[in-house]
Amino acid sequence: SWRVVDCIVLAAAADPLSRFAVYAAVTLASLVFYGRSRAAKLLRKMGFAQRSVNFGVAVSLMAGSWGMIDAVVAKLAHEDRIRMMLWHMVFVALGFLVCAFNHGFQAERFLDQLVEELTRQL
């Protein structure tokens, strides 16, 4: 399902900056849609379980977020596969450092809040 979003974006935008804009729109739309929109409420009234709605939102958020990172990496690496791999490693390292830094200040709350947020949706 994540790849469906990627295929749609790749069909709509060829260059990395355009892909970034489309992925950003996907991410923003999924944030707006999540639980607060009339469309989400209508889907629940039509019999779709909250889990189904949450799944669609989660897929859109992940595809949009990682798609933006992929678009930035493609632009920075000039579409060179080896450079793209190295830039992805840089972004993973930065993400790790941010999580480690945050975890260091809120060690007792960080994972508890994450697990609580993830399980609340189930």
Foldseek 3Di string as FASTA:
>chain_A
DLVVLVVVLVVVDPALVSSLVVLVVLQVVLVCPPPPDPVLVVCVVVPDDLLVSVVVSVSSNVSSVVSNQQSVLCVVQVNDPVSSVVSVVVVVVVVVVVLVVVCVVVVPVPVVVVVCVVVVSD
